[in-house]
PDB file of N, CA and C in Angstrom:
ATOM      1  N   UNK A   1     -51.311  54.488  40.775  1.00  0.00           N
ATOM      2  CA  UNK A   1     -50.873  53.796  39.586  1.00  0.00           C
ATOM      3  C   UNK A   1     -49.996  52.597  39.953  1.00  0.00           C
ATOM      4  N   UNK A   2     -49.086  52.814  40.914  1.00  0.00           N
ATOM      5  CA  UNK A   2     -48.196  51.720  41.313  1.00  0.00           C
ATOM      6  C   UNK A   2     -48.983  50.551  41.885  1.00  0.00           C
ATOM      7  N   UNK A   3     -50.035  50.839  42.649  1.00  0.00           N
ATOM      8  CA  UNK A   3     -50.869  49.762  43.197  1.00  0.00           C
ATOM      9  C   UNK A   3     -51.500  48.932  42.088  1.00  0.00           C
ATOM     10  N   UNK A   4     -52.050  49.607  41.088  1.00  0.00           N
ATOM     11  CA  UNK A   4     -52.694  48.900  39.991  1.00  0.00           C
ATOM     12  C   UNK A   4     -51.683  48.035  39.239  1.00  0.00           C
ATOM     13  N   UNK A   5     -50.522  48.594  38.971  1.00  0.00           N
ATOM     14  CA  UNK A   5     -49.485  47.844  38.251  1.00  0.00           C
ATOM     15  C   UNK A   5     -48.978  46.670  39.084  1.00  0.00           C
ATOM     16  N   UNK A   6     -48.878  46.845  40.380  1.00  0.00           N
ATOM     17  CA  UNK A   6     -48.477  45.749  41.259  1.00  0.00           C
ATOM     18  C   UNK A   6     -49.520  44.643  41.235  1.00  0.00           C
ATOM     19  N   UNK A   7     -50.787  45.020  41.283  1.00  0.00           N
ATOM     20  CA  UNK A   7     -51.873  44.045  41.218  1.00  0.00           C
ATOM     21  C   UNK A   7     -51.800  43.230  39.926  1.00  0.00           C
ATOM     22  N   UNK A   8     -51.358  43.877  38.866  1.00  0.00           N
ATOM     23  CA  UNK A   8     -51.207  43.188  37.578  1.00  0.00           C
ATOM     24  C   UNK A   8     -49.860  42.478  37.455  1.00  0.00           C
ATOM     25  N   UNK A   9     -49.075  42.508  38.506  1.00  0.00           N
ATOM     26  CA  UNK A   9     -47.748  41.878  38.572  1.00  0.00           C
ATOM     27  C   UNK A   9     -46.764  42.464  37.566  1.00  0.00           C
ATOM     28  N   UNK A  10     -46.924  43.733  37.331  1.00  0.00           N
ATOM     29  CA  UNK A  10     -46.006  44.470  36.464  1.00  0.00           C
ATOM     30  C   UNK A  10     -45.048  45.233  37.374  1.00  0.00           C
ATOM     31  N   UNK A  11     -44.198  44.477  38.049  1.00  0.00           N
ATOM     32  CA  UNK A  11     -43.360  45.001  39.123  1.00  0.00           C
ATOM     33  C   UNK A  11     -42.431  46.122  38.681  1.00  0.00           C
ATOM     34  N   UNK A  12     -41.790  45.970  37.548  1.00  0.00           N
ATOM     35  CA  UNK A  12     -40.850  47.006  37.095  1.00  0.00           C
ATOM     36  C   UNK A  12     -41.562  48.335  36.870  1.00  0.00           C
ATOM     37  N   UNK A  13     -42.734  48.265  36.251  1.00  0.00           N
ATOM     38  CA  UNK A  13     -43.488  49.491  35.998  1.00  0.00           C
ATOM     39  C   UNK A  13     -44.016  50.086  37.300  1.00  0.00           C
ATOM     40  N   UNK A  14     -44.457  49.221  38.199  1.00  0.00           N
ATOM     41  CA  UNK A  14     -44.947  49.692  39.500  1.00  0.00           C
ATOM     42  C   UNK A  14     -43.831  50.391  40.266  1.00  0.00           C
ATOM     43  N   UNK A  15     -42.647  49.822  40.226  1.00  0.00           N
ATOM     44  CA  UNK A  15     -41.511  50.426  40.911  1.00  0.00           C
ATOM     45  C   UNK A  15     -41.178  51.796  40.309  1.00  0.00           C
ATOM     46  N   UNK A  16     -41.236  51.894  39.003  1.00  0.00           N
ATOM     47  CA  UNK A  16     -40.979  53.191  38.359  1.00  0.00           C
ATOM     48  C   UNK A  16     -41.992  54.244  38.815  1.00  0.00           C
ATOM     49  N   UNK A  17     -43.251  53.850  38.935  1.00  0.00           N
ATOM     50  CA  UNK A  17     -44.280  54.800  39.375  1.00  0.00           C
ATOM     51  C   UNK A  17     -44.059  55.236  40.820  1.00  0.00           C
ATOM     52  N   UNK A  18     -43.702  54.292  41.682  1.00  0.00           N
ATOM     53  CA  UNK A  18     -43.436  54.641  43.086  1.00  0.00           C
ATOM     54  C   UNK A  18     -42.227  55.571  43.171  1.00  0.00           C
ATOM     55  N   UNK A  19     -41.201  55.267  42.404  1.00  0.00           N
ATOM     56  CA  UNK A  19     -40.007  56.113  42.417  1.00  0.00           C
ATOM     57  C   UNK A  19     -40.286  57.483  41.803  1.00  0.00           C
ATOM     58  N   UNK A  20     -41.196  57.540  40.871  1.00  0.00           N
ATOM     59  CA  UNK A  20     -41.599  58.834  40.302  1.00  0.00           C
ATOM     60  C   UNK A  20     -42.288  59.682  41.365  1.00  0.00           C
ATOM     61  N   UNK A  21     -43.143  59.050  42.165  1.00  0.00           N
ATOM     62  CA  UNK A  21     -43.812  59.777  43.254  1.00  0.00           C
ATOM     63  C   UNK A  21     -42.779  60.336  44.235  1.00  0.00           C
ATOM     64  N   UNK A  22     -41.757  59.544  44.528  1.00  0.00           N
ATOM     65  CA  UNK A  22     -40.703  59.999  45.443  1.00  0.00           C
ATOM     66  C   UNK A  22     -39.903  61.138  44.809  1.00  0.00           C
ATOM     67  N   UNK A  23     -39.630  61.041  43.512  1.00  0.00           N
ATOM     68  CA  UNK A  23     -38.892  62.103  42.825  1.00  0.00           C
ATOM     69  C   UNK A  23     -39.673  63.426  42.853  1.00  0.00           C
ATOM     70  N   UNK A  24     -40.992  63.322  42.715  1.00  0.00           N
ATOM     71  CA  UNK A  24     -41.822  64.524  42.744  1.00  0.00           C
ATOM     72  C   UNK A  24     -41.886  65.136  44.139  1.00  0.00           C
ATOM     73  N   UNK A  25     -41.855  64.285  45.172  1.00  0.00           N
ATOM     74  CA  UNK A  25     -41.889  64.766  46.557  1.00  0.00           C
ATOM     75  C   UNK A  25     -41.141  63.773  47.438  1.00  0.00           C
ATOM     76  N   UNK A  26     -39.855  64.000  47.670  1.00  0.00           N
ATOM     77  CA  UNK A  26     -39.040  63.075  48.460  1.00  0.00           C
ATOM     78  C   UNK A  26     -39.520  62.900  49.898  1.00  0.00           C
ATOM     79  N   UNK A  27     -40.348  63.802  50.383  1.00  0.00           N
ATOM     80  CA  UNK A  27     -40.850  63.717  51.753  1.00  0.00           C
ATOM     81  C   UNK A  27     -42.264  63.154  51.842  1.00  0.00           C
ATOM     82  N   UNK A  28     -42.744  62.542  50.763  1.00  0.00           N
ATOM     83  CA  UNK A  28     -44.082  61.954  50.742  1.00  0.00           C
ATOM     84  C   UNK A  28     -44.003  60.514  51.264  1.00  0.00           C
ATOM     85  N   UNK A  29     -44.509  60.260  52.475  1.00  0.00           N
ATOM     86  CA  UNK A  29     -44.393  58.916  53.034  1.00  0.00           C
ATOM     87  C   UNK A  29     -45.068  57.852  52.172  1.00  0.00           C
ATOM     88  N   UNK A  30     -46.169  58.208  51.521  1.00  0.00           N
ATOM     89  CA  UNK A  30     -46.884  57.249  50.684  1.00  0.00           C
ATOM     90  C   UNK A  30     -46.052  56.729  49.529  1.00  0.00           C
ATOM     91  N   UNK A  31     -45.194  57.566  48.976  1.00  0.00           N
ATOM     92  CA  UNK A  31     -44.316  57.125  47.898  1.00  0.00           C
ATOM     93  C   UNK A  31     -43.314  56.098  48.384  1.00  0.00           C
ATOM     94  N   UNK A  32     -42.749  56.345  49.549  1.00  0.00           N
ATOM     95  CA  UNK A  32     -41.783  55.404  50.125  1.00  0.00           C
ATOM     96  C   UNK A  32     -42.477  54.105  50.540  1.00  0.00           C
ATOM     97  N   UNK A  33     -43.679  54.237  51.090  1.00  0.00           N
ATOM     98  CA  UNK A  33     -44.457  53.048  51.443  1.00  0.00           C
ATOM     99  C   UNK A  33     -44.720  52.204  50.199  1.00  0.00           C
ATOM    100  N   UNK A  34     -45.187  52.850  49.149  1.00  0.00           N
ATOM    101  CA  UNK A  34     -45.509  52.123  47.920  1.00  0.00           C
ATOM    102  C   UNK A  34     -44.274  51.453  47.336  1.00  0.00           C
ATOM    103  N   UNK A  35     -43.157  52.156  47.362  1.00  0.00           N
ATOM    104  CA  UNK A  35     -41.902  51.559  46.880  1.00  0.00           C
ATOM    105  C   UNK A  35     -41.561  50.319  47.701  1.00  0.00           C
ATOM    106  N   UNK A  36     -41.744  50.410  49.004  1.00  0.00           N
ATOM    107  CA  UNK A  36     -41.485  49.270  49.868  1.00  0.00           C
ATOM    108  C   UNK A  36     -42.391  48.090  49.566  1.00  0.00           C
ATOM    109  N   UNK A  37     -43.657  48.364  49.334  1.00  0.00           N
ATOM    110  CA  UNK A  37     -44.607  47.295  49.018  1.00  0.00           C
ATOM    111  C   UNK A  37     -44.211  46.610  47.714  1.00  0.00           C
ATOM    112  N   UNK A  38     -43.936  47.406  46.698  1.00  0.00           N
ATOM    113  CA  UNK A  38     -43.566  46.845  45.392  1.00  0.00           C
ATOM    114  C   UNK A  38     -42.292  46.016  45.513  1.00  0.00           C
ATOM    115  N   UNK A  39     -41.291  46.560  46.169  1.00  0.00           N
ATOM    116  CA  UNK A  39     -40.036  45.824  46.314  1.00  0.00           C
ATOM    117  C   UNK A  39     -40.242  44.508  47.062  1.00  0.00           C
ATOM    118  N   UNK A  40     -41.034  44.552  48.117  1.00  0.00           N
ATOM    119  CA  UNK A  40     -41.284  43.338  48.899  1.00  0.00           C
ATOM    120  C   UNK A  40     -41.929  42.260  48.026  1.00  0.00           C
ATOM    121  N   UNK A  41     -42.977  42.624  47.313  1.00  0.00           N
ATOM    122  CA  UNK A  41     -43.688  41.634  46.495  1.00  0.00           C
ATOM    123  C   UNK A  41     -42.902  41.229  45.253  1.00  0.00           C
ATOM    124  N   UNK A  42     -41.898  42.009  44.891  1.00  0.00           N
ATOM    125  CA  UNK A  42     -41.048  41.658  43.747  1.00  0.00           C
ATOM    126  C   UNK A  42     -39.813  40.877  44.193  1.00  0.00           C
ATOM    127  N   UNK A  43     -39.716  40.575  45.492  1.00  0.00           N
ATOM    128  CA  UNK A  43     -38.597  39.782  45.986  1.00  0.00           C
ATOM    129  C   UNK A  43     -37.443  40.587  46.544  1.00  0.00           C
ATOM    130  N   UNK A  44     -37.627  41.874  46.722  1.00  0.00           N
ATOM    131  CA  UNK A  44     -36.560  42.722  47.242  1.00  0.00           C
ATOM    132  C   UNK A  44     -36.849  43.199  48.659  1.00  0.00           C
ATOM    133  N   UNK A  45     -37.054  42.249  49.563  1.00  0.00           N
ATOM    134  CA  UNK A  45     -37.454  42.609  50.926  1.00  0.00           C
ATOM    135  C   UNK A  45     -36.416  43.441  51.669  1.00  0.00           C
ATOM    136  N   UNK A  46     -35.147  43.234  51.399  1.00  0.00           N
ATOM    137  CA  UNK A  46     -34.110  44.021  52.071  1.00  0.00           C
ATOM    138  C   UNK A  46     -34.260  45.503  51.716  1.00  0.00           C
ATOM    139  N   UNK A  47     -34.411  45.788  50.444  1.00  0.00           N
ATOM    140  CA  UNK A  47     -34.606  47.168  50.002  1.00  0.00           C
ATOM    141  C   UNK A  47     -35.958  47.702  50.464  1.00  0.00           C
ATOM    142  N   UNK A  48     -36.942  46.805  50.538  1.00  0.00           N
ATOM    143  CA  UNK A  48     -38.270  47.207  50.995  1.00  0.00           C
ATOM    144  C   UNK A  48     -38.220  47.732  52.420  1.00  0.00           C
ATOM    145  N   UNK A  49     -37.427  47.084  53.265  1.00  0.00           N
ATOM    146  CA  UNK A  49     -37.302  47.535  54.653  1.00  0.00           C
ATOM    147  C   UNK A  49     -36.774  48.965  54.733  1.00  0.00           C
ATOM    148  N   UNK A  50     -35.853  49.310  53.862  1.00  0.00           N
ATOM    149  CA  UNK A  50     -35.314  50.677  53.843  1.00  0.00           C
ATOM    150  C   UNK A  50     -36.410  51.683  53.499  1.00  0.00           C
ATOM    151  N   UNK A  51     -37.225  51.346  52.508  1.00  0.00           N
ATOM    152  CA  UNK A  51     -38.308  52.249  52.110  1.00  0.00           C
ATOM    153  C   UNK A  51     -39.371  52.356  53.194  1.00  0.00           C
ATOM    154  N   UNK A  52     -39.700  51.236  53.813  1.00  0.00           N
ATOM    155  CA  UNK A  52     -40.706  51.260  54.880  1.00  0.00           C
ATOM    156  C   UNK A  52     -40.216  52.082  56.068  1.00  0.00           C
ATOM    157  N   UNK A  53     -38.950  51.930  56.410  1.00  0.00           N
ATOM    158  CA  UNK A  53     -38.371  52.702  57.507  1.00  0.00           C
ATOM    159  C   UNK A  53     -38.440  54.196  57.190  1.00  0.00           C
ATOM    160  N   UNK A  54     -38.128  54.550  55.958  1.00  0.00           N
ATOM    161  CA  UNK A  54     -38.185  55.967  55.554  1.00  0.00           C
ATOM    162  C   UNK A  54     -39.614  56.488  55.653  1.00  0.00           C
ATOM    163  N   UNK A  55     -40.584  55.692  55.221  1.00  0.00           N
ATOM    164  CA  UNK A  55     -41.989  56.096  55.300  1.00  0.00           C
ATOM    165  C   UNK A  55     -42.404  56.318  56.753  1.00  0.00           C
ATOM    166  N   UNK A  56     -41.919  55.466  57.653  1.00  0.00           N
ATOM    167  CA  UNK A  56     -42.263  55.590  59.068  1.00  0.00           C
ATOM    168  C   UNK A  56     -41.608  56.818  59.703  1.00  0.00           C
ATOM    169  N   UNK A  57     -40.417  57.149  59.250  1.00  0.00           N
ATOM    170  CA  UNK A  57     -39.748  58.351  59.749  1.00  0.00           C
ATOM    171  C   UNK A  57     -40.494  59.602  59.284  1.00  0.00           C
ATOM    172  N   UNK A  58     -40.914  59.597  58.031  1.00  0.00           N
ATOM    173  CA  UNK A  58     -41.604  60.757  57.472  1.00  0.00           C
ATOM    174  C   UNK A  58     -43.000  60.939  58.059  1.00  0.00           C
ATOM    175  N   UNK A  59     -43.621  59.846  58.496  1.00  0.00           N
ATOM    176  CA  UNK A  59     -44.953  59.912  59.095  1.00  0.00           C
ATOM    177  C   UNK A  59     -44.922  59.181  60.432  1.00  0.00           C
ATOM    178  N   UNK A  60     -44.558  59.870  61.500  1.00  0.00           N
ATOM    179  CA  UNK A  60     -44.466  59.197  62.791  1.00  0.00           C
ATOM    180  C   UNK A  60     -45.813  58.685  63.308  1.00  0.00           C
ATOM    181  N   UNK A  61     -46.907  59.092  62.693  1.00  0.00           N
ATOM    182  CA  UNK A  61     -48.240  58.608  63.055  1.00  0.00           C
ATOM    183  C   UNK A  61     -48.748  57.604  62.018  1.00  0.00           C
ATOM    184  N   UNK A  62     -47.818  56.817  61.474  1.00  0.00           N
ATOM    185  CA  UNK A  62     -48.138  55.877  60.401  1.00  0.00           C
ATOM    186  C   UNK A  62     -49.233  54.881  60.832  1.00  0.00           C
ATOM    187  N   UNK A  63     -50.028  54.433  59.865  1.00  0.00           N
ATOM    188  CA  UNK A  63     -51.048  53.428  60.151  1.00  0.00           C
ATOM    189  C   UNK A  63     -50.405  52.096  60.555  1.00  0.00           C
ATOM    190  N   UNK A  64     -51.121  51.299  61.298  1.00  0.00           N
ATOM    191  CA  UNK A  64     -50.581  50.030  61.799  1.00  0.00           C
ATOM    192  C   UNK A  64     -50.216  49.056  60.685  1.00  0.00           C
ATOM    193  N   UNK A  65     -50.788  49.202  59.517  1.00  0.00           N
ATOM    194  CA  UNK A  65     -50.473  48.284  58.418  1.00  0.00           C
ATOM    195  C   UNK A  65     -49.002  48.387  58.014  1.00  0.00           C
ATOM    196  N   UNK A  66     -48.367  49.518  58.269  1.00  0.00           N
ATOM    197  CA  UNK A  66     -46.932  49.649  57.999  1.00  0.00           C
ATOM    198  C   UNK A  66     -46.159  48.580  58.766  1.00  0.00           C
ATOM    199  N   UNK A  67     -46.587  48.316  60.002  1.00  0.00           N
ATOM    200  CA  UNK A  67     -45.929  47.302  60.822  1.00  0.00           C
ATOM    201  C   UNK A  67     -46.115  45.909  60.234  1.00  0.00           C
ATOM    202  N   UNK A  68     -47.295  45.640  59.708  1.00  0.00           N
ATOM    203  CA  UNK A  68     -47.535  44.329  59.081  1.00  0.00           C
ATOM    204  C   UNK A  68     -46.601  44.133  57.890  1.00  0.00           C
ATOM    205  N   UNK A  69     -46.468  45.153  57.077  1.00  0.00           N
ATOM    206  CA  UNK A  69     -45.587  45.061  55.908  1.00  0.00           C
ATOM    207  C   UNK A  69     -44.133  44.886  56.332  1.00  0.00           C
ATOM    208  N   UNK A  70     -43.736  45.603  57.366  1.00  0.00           N
ATOM    209  CA  UNK A  70     -42.368  45.485  57.867  1.00  0.00           C
ATOM    210  C   UNK A  70     -42.128  44.069  58.408  1.00  0.00           C
ATOM    211  N   UNK A  71     -43.077  43.539  59.153  1.00  0.00           N
ATOM    212  CA  UNK A  71     -42.938  42.185  59.695  1.00  0.00           C
ATOM    213  C   UNK A  71     -42.864  41.148  58.573  1.00  0.00           C
ATOM    214  N   UNK A  72     -43.659  41.327  57.531  1.00  0.00           N
ATOM    215  CA  UNK A  72     -43.615  40.404  56.389  1.00  0.00           C
ATOM    216  C   UNK A  72     -42.245  40.425  55.731  1.00  0.00           C
ATOM    217  N   UNK A  73     -41.668  41.598  55.580  1.00  0.00           N
ATOM    218  CA  UNK A  73     -40.348  41.712  54.957  1.00  0.00           C
ATOM    219  C   UNK A  73     -39.291  41.033  55.820  1.00  0.00           C
ATOM    220  N   UNK A  74     -39.344  41.257  57.132  1.00  0.00           N
ATOM    221  CA  UNK A  74     -38.404  40.577  58.034  1.00  0.00           C
ATOM    222  C   UNK A  74     -38.562  39.059  57.909  1.00  0.00           C
ATOM    223  N   UNK A  75     -39.797  38.603  57.877  1.00  0.00           N
ATOM    224  CA  UNK A  75     -40.060  37.168  57.770  1.00  0.00           C
ATOM    225  C   UNK A  75     -39.487  36.608  56.468  1.00  0.00           C
ATOM    226  N   UNK A  76     -39.717  37.320  55.388  1.00  0.00           N
ATOM    227  CA  UNK A  76     -39.229  36.876  54.072  1.00  0.00           C
ATOM    228  C   UNK A  76     -37.707  36.751  54.060  1.00  0.00           C
ATOM    229  N   UNK A  77     -37.041  37.574  54.841  1.00  0.00           N
ATOM    230  CA  UNK A  77     -35.581  37.545  54.913  1.00  0.00           C
ATOM    231  C   UNK A  77     -35.057  36.526  55.925  1.00  0.00           C
ATOM    232  N   UNK A  78     -35.960  35.827  56.587  1.00  0.00           N
ATOM    233  CA  UNK A  78     -35.549  34.844  57.578  1.00  0.00           C
ATOM    234  C   UNK A  78     -35.162  35.474  58.904  1.00  0.00           C
ATOM    235  N   UNK A  79     -35.535  36.709  59.108  1.00  0.00           N
ATOM    236  CA  UNK A  79     -35.241  37.426  60.354  1.00  0.00           C
ATOM    237  C   UNK A  79     -36.468  37.296  61.269  1.00  0.00           C
ATOM    238  N   UNK A  80     -36.670  36.074  61.756  1.00  0.00           N
ATOM    239  CA  UNK A  80     -37.902  35.702  62.440  1.00  0.00           C
ATOM    240  C   UNK A  80     -38.108  36.411  63.771  1.00  0.00           C
ATOM    241  N   UNK A  81     -37.050  36.611  64.533  1.00  0.00           N
ATOM    242  CA  UNK A  81     -37.230  37.288  65.822  1.00  0.00           C
ATOM    243  C   UNK A  81     -37.672  38.741  65.613  1.00  0.00           C
ATOM    244  N   UNK A  82     -37.139  39.385  64.576  1.00  0.00           N
ATOM    245  CA  UNK A  82     -37.560  40.753  64.275  1.00  0.00           C
ATOM    246  C   UNK A  82     -38.987  40.772  63.747  1.00  0.00           C
ATOM    247  N   UNK A  83     -39.342  39.787  62.927  1.00  0.00           N
ATOM    248  CA  UNK A  83     -40.713  39.681  62.427  1.00  0.00           C
ATOM    249  C   UNK A  83     -41.686  39.497  63.590  1.00  0.00           C
ATOM    250  N   UNK A  84     -41.302  38.665  64.557  1.00  0.00           N
ATOM    251  CA  UNK A  84     -42.162  38.429  65.719  1.00  0.00           C
ATOM    252  C   UNK A  84     -42.314  39.692  66.551  1.00  0.00           C
ATOM    253  N   UNK A  85     -41.217  40.403  66.776  1.00  0.00           N
ATOM    254  CA  UNK A  85     -41.269  41.622  67.584  1.00  0.00           C
ATOM    255  C   UNK A  85     -42.167  42.682  66.939  1.00  0.00           C
ATOM    256  N   UNK A  86     -42.051  42.840  65.637  1.00  0.00           N
ATOM    257  CA  UNK A  86     -42.870  43.834  64.934  1.00  0.00           C
ATOM    258  C   UNK A  86     -44.327  43.387  64.908  1.00  0.00           C
ATOM    259  N   UNK A  87     -44.565  42.097  64.750  1.00  0.00           N
ATOM    260  CA  UNK A  87     -45.941  41.576  64.781  1.00  0.00           C
ATOM    261  C   UNK A  87     -46.587  41.865  66.131  1.00  0.00           C
ATOM    262  N   UNK A  88     -45.835  41.696  67.203  1.00  0.00           N
ATOM    263  CA  UNK A  88     -46.361  42.003  68.542  1.00  0.00           C
ATOM    264  C   UNK A  88     -46.712  43.483  68.679  1.00  0.00           C
ATOM    265  N   UNK A  89     -45.880  44.338  68.112  1.00  0.00           N
ATOM    266  CA  UNK A  89     -46.178  45.774  68.145  1.00  0.00           C
ATOM    267  C   UNK A  89     -47.480  46.067  67.412  1.00  0.00           C
ATOM    268  N   UNK A  90     -47.681  45.410  66.284  1.00  0.00           N
ATOM    269  CA  UNK A  90     -48.916  45.658  65.546  1.00  0.00           C
ATOM    270  C   UNK A  90     -50.115  45.139  66.315  1.00  0.00           C
ATOM    271  N   UNK A  91     -49.986  43.974  66.938  1.00  0.00           N
ATOM    272  CA  UNK A  91     -51.094  43.414  67.708  1.00  0.00           C
ATOM    273  C   UNK A  91     -51.480  44.353  68.852  1.00  0.00           C
ATOM    274  N   UNK A  92     -50.503  45.007  69.454  1.00  0.00           N
ATOM    275  CA  UNK A  92     -50.804  45.980  70.507  1.00  0.00           C
ATOM    276  C   UNK A  92     -51.612  47.148  69.961  1.00  0.00           C
ATOM    277  N   UNK A  93     -51.293  47.567  68.739  1.00  0.00           N
ATOM    278  CA  UNK A  93     -52.006  48.700  68.128  1.00  0.00           C
ATOM    279  C   UNK A  93     -53.337  48.288  67.531  1.00  0.00           C
ATOM    280  N   UNK A  94     -53.419  47.034  67.066  1.00  0.00           N
ATOM    281  CA  UNK A  94     -54.646  46.546  66.418  1.00  0.00           C
ATOM    282  C   UNK A  94     -54.919  45.127  66.920  1.00  0.00           C
ATOM    283  N   UNK A  95     -55.535  45.014  68.081  1.00  0.00           N
ATOM    284  CA  UNK A  95     -55.712  43.703  68.706  1.00  0.00           C
ATOM    285  C   UNK A  95     -56.503  42.685  67.875  1.00  0.00           C
ATOM    286  N   UNK A  96     -57.343  43.138  66.954  1.00  0.00           N
ATOM    287  CA  UNK A  96     -58.165  42.196  66.182  1.00  0.00           C
ATOM    288  C   UNK A  96     -57.512  41.746  64.870  1.00  0.00           C
ATOM    289  N   UNK A  97     -56.206  41.928  64.729  1.00  0.00           N
ATOM    290  CA  UNK A  97     -55.532  41.543  63.501  1.00  0.00           C
ATOM    291  C   UNK A  97     -55.218  40.050  63.454  1.00  0.00           C
ATOM    292  N   UNK A  98     -55.828  39.363  62.532  1.00  0.00           N
ATOM    293  CA  UNK A  98     -55.517  37.943  62.345  1.00  0.00           C
ATOM    294  C   UNK A  98     -54.209  37.767  61.577  1.00  0.00           C
ATOM    295  N   UNK A  99     -53.938  38.657  60.645  1.00  0.00           N
ATOM    296  CA  UNK A  99     -52.736  38.538  59.815  1.00  0.00           C
ATOM    297  C   UNK A  99     -51.473  38.608  60.668  1.00  0.00           C
ATOM    298  N   UNK A 100     -51.427  39.536  61.600  1.00  0.00           N
ATOM    299  CA  UNK A 100     -50.240  39.654  62.443  1.00  0.00           C
ATOM    300  C   UNK A 100     -50.127  38.492  63.419  1.00  0.00           C
ATOM    301  N   UNK A 101     -51.240  37.973  63.878  1.00  0.00           N
ATOM    302  CA  UNK A 101     -51.203  36.810  64.758  1.00  0.00           C
ATOM    303  C   UNK A 101     -50.676  35.588  64.002  1.00  0.00           C
ATOM    304  N   UNK A 102     -51.095  35.422  62.762  1.00  0.00           N
ATOM    305  CA  UNK A 102     -50.609  34.298  61.948  1.00  0.00           C
ATOM    306  C   UNK A 102     -49.114  34.436  61.688  1.00  0.00           C
ATOM    307  N   UNK A 103     -48.687  35.659  61.376  1.00  0.00           N
ATOM    308  CA  UNK A 103     -47.267  35.888  61.119  1.00  0.00           C
ATOM    309  C   UNK A 103     -46.435  35.700  62.390  1.00  0.00           C
ATOM    310  N   UNK A 104     -46.984  36.110  63.515  1.00  0.00           N
ATOM    311  CA  UNK A 104     -46.300  35.897  64.789  1.00  0.00           C
ATOM    312  C   UNK A 104     -46.131  34.405  65.056  1.00  0.00           C
ATOM    313  N   UNK A 105     -47.187  33.639  64.825  1.00  0.00           N
ATOM    314  CA  UNK A 105     -47.104  32.188  65.012  1.00  0.00           C
ATOM    315  C   UNK A 105     -46.099  31.551  64.074  1.00  0.00           C
ATOM    316  N   UNK A 106     -46.053  31.987  62.848  1.00  0.00           N
ATOM    317  CA  UNK A 106     -45.120  31.441  61.877  1.00  0.00           C
ATOM    318  C   UNK A 106     -43.685  31.819  62.222  1.00  0.00           C
ATOM    319  N   UNK A 107     -43.527  33.003  62.788  1.00  0.00           N
ATOM    320  CA  UNK A 107     -42.181  33.482  63.130  1.00  0.00           C
ATOM    321  C   UNK A 107     -41.619  32.706  64.289  1.00  0.00           C
TER     322      UNK A 107
END
């Protein structure tokens, strides 16, 4: 639900849905990931990093896209060296990623 609402740019509602998922299961990494995505796209990259970090702790085998989202949030905050470092980590895990290469170059 949060994804659909985010796609429609209904950020407040999307955030409520992500937070509802977390309330139902505080240990669900997907809820924290979704909250991070919504916050990032709504302009709250600092808070998004906290949610993404929590999602990564809850799922130590997280998909590589988590790194892309984390790097984007660092970049949005002007933390370019951290964005570059995380982009490099993602490239190591997914060598064919154009998005992380572009973000690395921009960083």
